Amino acid sequence: MNSGRRVRPDEIGYYMDVQQARLQQIGGQWLGVMRRGLSIRLSLPGRWSFTVGSAELSSGAQPALSSIARVLADYRLSLITVHGHTDDSGDPVFNQTLSEKRALAVARHLVSEGVASDRILVVGHGPADPLASNATEAGREENRRVELEVVPLTGKTP
């Protein structure tokens, strides 16, 4: 399907299936890979990707993100939105900025590994979209994350 021709609508599901399978192969225990319809969502836990209060990628996260980038670079008919999230502790303005900087750090790493920048959108949510209650440390830890949403670009040529 990366042959330079248009992808037919009936091929899109298969295209995303194969991309998802490749992403799941790299994931291990640290990467959550979920599928909803044609959308693939990758969840990178904040505790593994960044130190608390920092937007600098950890040395452990960089090789894994490089592996993800290689898959995303191969599947040029997908758009990637990088979503940064924080918990609600601390200053809301700081959390919003931190979520944006973390999402941007991930996006920059993907671009440095060959993913075209025009396929990547960056969104910082701050604490606005929690997965768990912020009342406990476990919940706050779950809320500190970066997610990559991968959706097909239909009717495009690679």
N, C-alpha and C. Protein backbone atom coordinates (compact mmCIF):
# COMPACT_ATOMS: atom_id res chain seq x y z
N MET A 1 0.79 -1.20 0.00
CA MET A 1 0.00 0.00 0.00
C MET A 1 0.84 1.26 0.00
N ASN A 2 2.11 1.17 0.22
CA ASN A 2 2.99 2.33 0.17
C ASN A 2 3.63 2.46 -1.20
N SER A 3 2.96 1.98 -2.24
CA SER A 3 3.56 1.91 -3.56
C SER A 3 3.45 3.20 -4.36
N GLY A 4 2.79 4.23 -3.84
CA GLY A 4 2.66 5.48 -4.57
C GLY A 4 1.30 5.65 -5.19
N ARG A 5 0.46 4.65 -5.13
CA ARG A 5 -0.88 4.79 -5.68
C ARG A 5 -1.84 5.21 -4.56
N ARG A 6 -3.03 5.58 -4.95
CA ARG A 6 -4.04 5.96 -3.95
C ARG A 6 -4.50 4.72 -3.18
N VAL A 7 -4.81 4.92 -1.93
CA VAL A 7 -5.36 3.85 -1.10
C VAL A 7 -6.87 3.88 -1.26
N ARG A 8 -7.42 2.75 -1.63
CA ARG A 8 -8.88 2.65 -1.78
C ARG A 8 -9.51 2.62 -0.39
N PRO A 9 -10.72 3.14 -0.27
CA PRO A 9 -11.39 3.13 1.05
C PRO A 9 -11.48 1.74 1.67
N ASP A 10 -11.65 0.70 0.87
CA ASP A 10 -11.75 -0.65 1.42
C ASP A 10 -10.41 -1.19 1.91
N GLU A 11 -9.32 -0.52 1.61
CA GLU A 11 -7.99 -0.94 2.05
C GLU A 11 -7.55 -0.26 3.35
N ILE A 12 -8.23 0.79 3.75
CA ILE A 12 -7.80 1.59 4.88
C ILE A 12 -7.76 0.78 6.17
N GLY A 13 -8.78 -0.02 6.42
CA GLY A 13 -8.82 -0.83 7.64
C GLY A 13 -7.63 -1.78 7.72
N TYR A 14 -7.32 -2.42 6.61
CA TYR A 14 -6.18 -3.34 6.59
C TYR A 14 -4.87 -2.57 6.83
N TYR A 15 -4.75 -1.42 6.19
CA TYR A 15 -3.57 -0.57 6.35
C TYR A 15 -3.35 -0.24 7.82
N MET A 16 -4.42 0.14 8.52
CA MET A 16 -4.33 0.48 9.94
C MET A 16 -4.09 -0.77 10.79
N ASP A 17 -4.68 -1.91 10.39
CA ASP A 17 -4.45 -3.18 11.11
C ASP A 17 -2.97 -3.54 11.13
N VAL A 18 -2.33 -3.44 9.97
CA VAL A 18 -0.92 -3.81 9.86
C VAL A 18 -0.05 -2.83 10.65
N GLN A 19 -0.37 -1.55 10.56
CA GLN A 19 0.37 -0.54 11.31
C GLN A 19 0.23 -0.80 12.82
N GLN A 20 -0.98 -1.11 13.28
CA GLN A 20 -1.22 -1.40 14.69
C GLN A 20 -0.41 -2.61 15.14
N ALA A 21 -0.39 -3.66 14.33
CA ALA A 21 0.35 -4.87 14.68
C ALA A 21 1.84 -4.56 14.83
N ARG A 22 2.38 -3.74 13.95
CA ARG A 22 3.80 -3.37 14.05
C ARG A 22 4.07 -2.56 15.31
N LEU A 23 3.17 -1.65 15.65
CA LEU A 23 3.34 -0.84 16.85
C LEU A 23 3.23 -1.69 18.12
N GLN A 24 2.34 -2.67 18.11
CA GLN A 24 2.20 -3.55 19.27
C GLN A 24 3.44 -4.41 19.48
N GLN A 25 4.14 -4.74 18.41
CA GLN A 25 5.37 -5.53 18.53
C GLN A 25 6.44 -4.79 19.32
N ILE A 26 6.46 -3.47 19.22
CA ILE A 26 7.48 -2.70 19.92
C ILE A 26 7.07 -2.39 21.35
N GLY A 27 5.79 -2.37 21.62
CA GLY A 27 5.24 -1.84 22.85
C GLY A 27 5.72 -2.40 24.16
N GLY A 28 5.77 -3.69 24.28
CA GLY A 28 6.12 -4.27 25.57
C GLY A 28 5.12 -3.86 26.63
N GLN A 29 5.58 -3.75 27.86
CA GLN A 29 4.69 -3.40 28.97
C GLN A 29 4.53 -1.90 29.15
N TRP A 30 5.40 -1.10 28.58
CA TRP A 30 5.38 0.34 28.84
C TRP A 30 4.46 1.10 27.91
N LEU A 31 4.12 0.55 26.73
CA LEU A 31 3.34 1.28 25.74
C LEU A 31 1.94 0.69 25.64
N GLY A 32 0.95 1.52 25.88
CA GLY A 32 -0.43 1.09 25.68
C GLY A 32 -0.83 1.34 24.24
N VAL A 33 -1.34 0.32 23.56
CA VAL A 33 -1.80 0.46 22.17
C VAL A 33 -3.28 0.08 22.16
N MET A 34 -4.12 1.04 21.80
CA MET A 34 -5.56 0.80 21.75
C MET A 34 -6.08 1.16 20.37
N ARG A 35 -7.15 0.50 19.99
CA ARG A 35 -7.75 0.76 18.68
C ARG A 35 -9.22 1.09 18.86
N ARG A 36 -9.67 2.13 18.20
CA ARG A 36 -11.09 2.47 18.14
C ARG A 36 -11.40 2.85 16.70
N GLY A 37 -12.13 1.97 16.03
CA GLY A 37 -12.42 2.19 14.62
C GLY A 37 -11.12 2.21 13.82
N LEU A 38 -10.88 3.27 13.08
CA LEU A 38 -9.66 3.38 12.30
C LEU A 38 -8.54 4.10 13.05
N SER A 39 -8.82 4.55 14.26
CA SER A 39 -7.84 5.30 15.04
C SER A 39 -7.03 4.38 15.95
N ILE A 40 -5.72 4.61 16.00
CA ILE A 40 -4.82 3.89 16.90
C ILE A 40 -4.33 4.91 17.93
N ARG A 41 -4.40 4.55 19.20
CA ARG A 41 -3.91 5.44 20.25
C ARG A 41 -2.80 4.75 21.01
N LEU A 42 -1.65 5.42 21.07
CA LEU A 42 -0.49 4.94 21.82
C LEU A 42 -0.36 5.80 23.07
N SER A 43 -0.24 5.17 24.22
CA SER A 43 -0.12 5.92 25.47
C SER A 43 1.24 5.67 26.09
N LEU A 44 2.00 6.76 26.26
CA LEU A 44 3.32 6.71 26.86
C LEU A 44 3.22 7.22 28.29
N PRO A 45 3.43 6.37 29.27
CA PRO A 45 3.31 6.84 30.66
C PRO A 45 4.35 7.91 30.98
N GLY A 46 3.91 8.96 31.64
CA GLY A 46 4.79 10.07 31.99
C GLY A 46 5.95 9.66 32.87
N ARG A 47 5.71 8.75 33.82
CA ARG A 47 6.78 8.34 34.75
C ARG A 47 7.92 7.69 34.02
N TRP A 48 7.64 7.12 32.88
CA TRP A 48 8.65 6.43 32.09
C TRP A 48 9.30 7.37 31.08
N SER A 49 8.55 8.36 30.60
CA SER A 49 9.01 9.23 29.52
C SER A 49 9.71 10.50 29.98
N PHE A 50 9.29 11.04 31.14
CA PHE A 50 9.80 12.32 31.62
C PHE A 50 9.97 12.26 33.14
N THR A 51 10.90 13.05 33.65
CA THR A 51 10.95 13.22 35.11
C THR A 51 9.87 14.23 35.50
N VAL A 52 9.44 14.20 36.73
CA VAL A 52 8.38 15.09 37.20
C VAL A 52 8.78 16.54 36.97
N GLY A 53 7.87 17.30 36.37
CA GLY A 53 8.10 18.72 36.14
C GLY A 53 9.00 19.06 34.96
N SER A 54 9.43 18.06 34.19
CA SER A 54 10.36 18.28 33.09
C SER A 54 9.73 17.90 31.76
N ALA A 55 10.19 18.56 30.70
CA ALA A 55 9.75 18.24 29.35
C ALA A 55 10.88 17.59 28.55
N GLU A 56 11.96 17.21 29.23
CA GLU A 56 13.07 16.54 28.55
C GLU A 56 12.83 15.04 28.55
N LEU A 57 12.88 14.44 27.36
CA LEU A 57 12.66 13.00 27.24
C LEU A 57 13.71 12.23 28.03
N SER A 58 13.28 11.21 28.73
CA SER A 58 14.23 10.37 29.47
C SER A 58 15.06 9.55 28.50
N SER A 59 16.23 9.14 28.94
CA SER A 59 17.08 8.31 28.07
C SER A 59 16.43 6.98 27.77
N GLY A 60 15.59 6.48 28.66
CA GLY A 60 14.89 5.22 28.41
C GLY A 60 13.80 5.34 27.36
N ALA A 61 13.19 6.52 27.25
CA ALA A 61 12.10 6.72 26.30
C ALA A 61 12.60 6.90 24.88
N GLN A 62 13.78 7.44 24.70
CA GLN A 62 14.25 7.78 23.36
C GLN A 62 14.38 6.59 22.42
N PRO A 63 14.97 5.46 22.81
CA PRO A 63 15.04 4.32 21.88
C PRO A 63 13.66 3.78 21.52
N ALA A 64 12.75 3.74 22.48
CA ALA A 64 11.41 3.25 22.19
C ALA A 64 10.68 4.19 21.23
N LEU A 65 10.82 5.49 21.45
CA LEU A 65 10.21 6.45 20.53
C LEU A 65 10.83 6.37 19.14
N SER A 66 12.11 6.05 19.08
CA SER A 66 12.76 5.87 17.78
C SER A 66 12.16 4.68 17.04
N SER A 67 11.87 3.61 17.76
CA SER A 67 11.23 2.44 17.15
C SER A 67 9.83 2.78 16.65
N ILE A 68 9.10 3.53 17.46
CA ILE A 68 7.76 3.98 17.05
C ILE A 68 7.86 4.85 15.80
N ALA A 69 8.84 5.75 15.79
CA ALA A 69 9.02 6.65 14.65
C ALA A 69 9.30 5.88 13.36
N ARG A 70 10.08 4.81 13.45
CA ARG A 70 10.37 4.03 12.24
C ARG A 70 9.09 3.45 11.65
N VAL A 71 8.20 2.97 12.50
CA VAL A 71 6.92 2.45 12.00
C VAL A 71 6.09 3.58 11.41
N LEU A 72 5.98 4.69 12.13
CA LEU A 72 5.17 5.81 11.65
C LEU A 72 5.74 6.39 10.35
N ALA A 73 7.06 6.38 10.20
CA ALA A 73 7.68 6.88 8.96
C ALA A 73 7.34 5.96 7.78
N ASP A 74 7.22 4.66 8.05
CA ASP A 74 6.87 3.70 6.99
C ASP A 74 5.42 3.86 6.54
N TYR A 75 4.55 4.28 7.44
CA TYR A 75 3.12 4.39 7.14
C TYR A 75 2.77 5.85 6.92
N ARG A 76 3.19 6.34 5.76
CA ARG A 76 3.10 7.77 5.44
C ARG A 76 1.67 8.25 5.21
N LEU A 77 0.73 7.35 5.16
CA LEU A 77 -0.66 7.75 4.93
C LEU A 77 -1.43 7.88 6.25
N SER A 78 -0.71 8.21 7.30
CA SER A 78 -1.32 8.41 8.61
C SER A 78 -0.95 9.78 9.16
N LEU A 79 -1.88 10.38 9.86
CA LEU A 79 -1.67 11.63 10.56
C LEU A 79 -1.49 11.31 12.03
N ILE A 80 -0.54 11.96 12.70
CA ILE A 80 -0.25 11.70 14.11
C ILE A 80 -0.53 12.97 14.91
N THR A 81 -1.37 12.85 15.92
CA THR A 81 -1.59 13.94 16.86
C THR A 81 -0.95 13.54 18.17
N VAL A 82 -0.05 14.37 18.67
CA VAL A 82 0.63 14.11 19.93
C VAL A 82 -0.08 14.93 21.01
N HIS A 83 -0.66 14.22 21.98
CA HIS A 83 -1.43 14.84 23.06
C HIS A 83 -0.62 14.78 24.35
N GLY A 84 -0.33 15.95 24.95
CA GLY A 84 0.35 16.00 26.24
C GLY A 84 -0.66 16.20 27.35
N HIS A 85 -0.48 15.49 28.48
CA HIS A 85 -1.40 15.55 29.62
C HIS A 85 -0.60 15.68 30.91
N THR A 86 -1.20 16.33 31.91
CA THR A 86 -0.62 16.42 33.24
C THR A 86 -1.69 16.07 34.27
N ASP A 87 -1.28 15.98 35.53
CA ASP A 87 -2.27 15.89 36.60
C ASP A 87 -2.68 17.32 36.96
N ASP A 88 -3.51 17.47 38.00
CA ASP A 88 -3.99 18.81 38.34
C ASP A 88 -3.28 19.44 39.53
N SER A 89 -2.18 18.81 39.99
CA SER A 89 -1.46 19.40 41.11
C SER A 89 -0.57 20.54 40.61
N GLY A 90 -0.46 21.57 41.40
CA GLY A 90 0.37 22.70 41.03
C GLY A 90 -0.38 23.75 40.23
N ASP A 91 0.39 24.66 39.68
CA ASP A 91 -0.13 25.80 38.95
C ASP A 91 -0.74 25.37 37.61
N PRO A 92 -2.00 25.73 37.33
CA PRO A 92 -2.63 25.34 36.08
C PRO A 92 -1.91 25.85 34.83
N VAL A 93 -1.38 27.05 34.88
CA VAL A 93 -0.65 27.60 33.73
C VAL A 93 0.63 26.79 33.48
N PHE A 94 1.34 26.47 34.56
CA PHE A 94 2.55 25.65 34.44
C PHE A 94 2.20 24.28 33.84
N ASN A 95 1.12 23.66 34.33
CA ASN A 95 0.72 22.35 33.82
C ASN A 95 0.35 22.40 32.35
N GLN A 96 -0.35 23.44 31.94
CA GLN A 96 -0.72 23.57 30.53
C GLN A 96 0.54 23.69 29.66
N THR A 97 1.44 24.55 30.08
CA THR A 97 2.69 24.74 29.33
C THR A 97 3.51 23.46 29.32
N LEU A 98 3.58 22.78 30.45
CA LEU A 98 4.34 21.52 30.53
C LEU A 98 3.76 20.48 29.58
N SER A 99 2.44 20.37 29.53
CA SER A 99 1.83 19.38 28.63
C SER A 99 2.15 19.70 27.17
N GLU A 100 2.16 20.97 26.82
CA GLU A 100 2.51 21.38 25.45
C GLU A 100 3.97 21.07 25.15
N LYS A 101 4.86 21.37 26.10
CA LYS A 101 6.29 21.13 25.88
C LYS A 101 6.59 19.64 25.77
N ARG A 102 5.92 18.82 26.57
CA ARG A 102 6.13 17.37 26.49
C ARG A 102 5.66 16.82 25.15
N ALA A 103 4.49 17.26 24.71
CA ALA A 103 3.99 16.81 23.40
C ALA A 103 4.94 17.26 22.30
N LEU A 104 5.45 18.48 22.40
CA LEU A 104 6.39 18.99 21.40
C LEU A 104 7.70 18.21 21.43
N ALA A 105 8.18 17.84 22.60
CA ALA A 105 9.41 17.04 22.70
C ALA A 105 9.26 15.70 22.00
N VAL A 106 8.11 15.06 22.19
CA VAL A 106 7.85 13.78 21.51
C VAL A 106 7.77 14.01 20.00
N ALA A 107 7.05 15.04 19.57
CA ALA A 107 6.93 15.33 18.14
C ALA A 107 8.30 15.60 17.51
N ARG A 108 9.12 16.37 18.19
CA ARG A 108 10.46 16.67 17.66
C ARG A 108 11.30 15.41 17.53
N HIS A 109 11.17 14.50 18.49
CA HIS A 109 11.91 13.25 18.40
C HIS A 109 11.43 12.43 17.21
N LEU A 110 10.13 12.38 16.99
CA LEU A 110 9.60 11.64 15.84
C LEU A 110 10.14 12.23 14.53
N VAL A 111 10.15 13.55 14.44
CA VAL A 111 10.67 14.22 13.23
C VAL A 111 12.16 13.92 13.06
N SER A 112 12.91 13.94 14.16
CA SER A 112 14.36 13.67 14.07
C SER A 112 14.63 12.24 13.60
N GLU A 113 13.64 11.37 13.74
CA GLU A 113 13.78 9.97 13.33
C GLU A 113 13.09 9.68 12.00
N GLY A 114 12.69 10.73 11.26
CA GLY A 114 12.21 10.53 9.90
C GLY A 114 10.72 10.67 9.64
N VAL A 115 9.93 11.01 10.65
CA VAL A 115 8.51 11.23 10.42
C VAL A 115 8.35 12.66 9.91
N ALA A 116 7.63 12.83 8.81
CA ALA A 116 7.45 14.15 8.21
C ALA A 116 6.69 15.07 9.16
N SER A 117 7.22 16.26 9.38
CA SER A 117 6.61 17.20 10.33
C SER A 117 5.21 17.62 9.91
N ASP A 118 4.92 17.60 8.60
CA ASP A 118 3.59 18.02 8.16
C ASP A 118 2.51 16.97 8.45
N ARG A 119 2.91 15.84 9.01
CA ARG A 119 1.95 14.80 9.41
C ARG A 119 1.68 14.82 10.91
N ILE A 120 2.31 15.74 11.63
CA ILE A 120 2.22 15.74 13.09
C ILE A 120 1.54 17.01 13.60
N LEU A 121 0.56 16.82 14.47
CA LEU A 121 -0.08 17.92 15.19
C LEU A 121 0.29 17.76 16.67
N VAL A 122 0.42 18.88 17.37
CA VAL A 122 0.79 18.85 18.79
C VAL A 122 -0.29 19.58 19.59
N VAL A 123 -0.79 18.91 20.64
CA VAL A 123 -1.83 19.50 21.48
C VAL A 123 -1.47 19.27 22.95
N GLY A 124 -1.50 20.34 23.73
CA GLY A 124 -1.32 20.22 25.18
C GLY A 124 -2.66 20.37 25.87
N HIS A 125 -3.02 19.40 26.69
CA HIS A 125 -4.31 19.42 27.38
C HIS A 125 -4.19 19.86 28.83
N GLY A 126 -2.96 19.93 29.36
CA GLY A 126 -2.81 20.20 30.78
C GLY A 126 -3.54 19.12 31.57
N PRO A 127 -4.25 19.49 32.64
CA PRO A 127 -4.97 18.50 33.43
C PRO A 127 -6.41 18.27 32.96
N ALA A 128 -6.80 18.81 31.80
CA ALA A 128 -8.20 18.83 31.38
C ALA A 128 -8.80 17.48 31.00
N ASP A 129 -7.99 16.47 30.75
CA ASP A 129 -8.53 15.18 30.27
C ASP A 129 -7.96 14.02 31.09
N PRO A 130 -8.31 13.96 32.38
CA PRO A 130 -7.73 12.92 33.23
C PRO A 130 -8.29 11.53 32.90
N LEU A 131 -7.45 10.52 33.09
CA LEU A 131 -7.90 9.13 32.99
C LEU A 131 -8.38 8.61 34.34
N ALA A 132 -7.84 9.17 35.41
CA ALA A 132 -8.12 8.70 36.76
C ALA A 132 -8.31 9.90 37.68
N SER A 133 -8.70 9.61 38.90
CA SER A 133 -8.87 10.67 39.89
C SER A 133 -7.52 11.25 40.27
N ASN A 134 -7.46 12.56 40.40
CA ASN A 134 -6.25 13.23 40.85
C ASN A 134 -6.14 13.24 42.37
N ALA A 135 -7.06 12.58 43.06
CA ALA A 135 -7.06 12.56 44.52
C ALA A 135 -5.99 11.65 45.12
N THR A 136 -5.45 10.74 44.29
CA THR A 136 -4.41 9.82 44.79
C THR A 136 -3.16 9.95 43.93
N GLU A 137 -2.01 9.56 44.50
CA GLU A 137 -0.76 9.60 43.74
C GLU A 137 -0.84 8.66 42.53
N ALA A 138 -1.45 7.50 42.71
CA ALA A 138 -1.58 6.55 41.58
C ALA A 138 -2.40 7.16 40.45
N GLY A 139 -3.46 7.86 40.79
CA GLY A 139 -4.28 8.52 39.78
C GLY A 139 -3.54 9.64 39.09
N ARG A 140 -2.82 10.45 39.87
CA ARG A 140 -2.04 11.54 39.27
C ARG A 140 -0.98 10.99 38.34
N GLU A 141 -0.35 9.89 38.74
CA GLU A 141 0.68 9.28 37.89
C GLU A 141 0.08 8.79 36.57
N GLU A 142 -1.11 8.23 36.63
CA GLU A 142 -1.78 7.76 35.41
C GLU A 142 -2.15 8.92 34.48
N ASN A 143 -2.46 10.05 35.07
CA ASN A 143 -2.85 11.22 34.27
C ASN A 143 -1.68 11.90 33.59
N ARG A 144 -0.47 11.72 34.12
CA ARG A 144 0.73 12.32 33.51
C ARG A 144 1.19 11.40 32.38
N ARG A 145 0.88 11.79 31.16
CA ARG A 145 1.15 10.91 30.02
C ARG A 145 1.21 11.72 28.73
N VAL A 146 1.75 11.08 27.70
CA VAL A 146 1.68 11.60 26.34
C VAL A 146 1.03 10.51 25.50
N GLU A 147 0.07 10.90 24.69
CA GLU A 147 -0.60 9.95 23.81
C GLU A 147 -0.41 10.36 22.37
N LEU A 148 -0.22 9.36 21.52
CA LEU A 148 -0.14 9.58 20.08
C LEU A 148 -1.39 8.98 19.47
N GLU A 149 -2.12 9.80 18.75
CA GLU A 149 -3.31 9.32 18.04
C GLU A 149 -2.96 9.25 16.56
N VAL A 150 -3.13 8.07 15.98
CA VAL A 150 -2.76 7.83 14.59
C VAL A 150 -4.03 7.54 13.81
N VAL A 151 -4.30 8.36 12.80
CA VAL A 151 -5.50 8.18 11.97
C VAL A 151 -5.09 8.17 10.50
N PRO A 152 -5.87 7.48 9.67
CA PRO A 152 -5.51 7.41 8.25
C PRO A 152 -5.82 8.71 7.52
N LEU A 153 -4.97 9.03 6.57
CA LEU A 153 -5.24 10.12 5.63
C LEU A 153 -5.79 9.45 4.38
N THR A 154 -7.06 9.55 4.14
CA THR A 154 -7.67 8.85 3.01
C THR A 154 -7.49 9.63 1.73
N GLY A 155 -7.36 8.91 0.65
CA GLY A 155 -7.28 9.51 -0.67
C GLY A 155 -5.96 10.20 -0.97
N LYS A 156 -4.95 10.04 -0.15
CA LYS A 156 -3.64 10.67 -0.37
C LYS A 156 -2.69 9.66 -0.99
N THR A 157 -1.67 10.16 -1.63
CA THR A 157 -0.63 9.28 -2.14
C THR A 157 0.61 9.46 -1.28
N PRO A 158 1.36 8.38 -1.04
CA PRO A 158 2.54 8.50 -0.18
C PRO A 158 3.65 9.29 -0.82
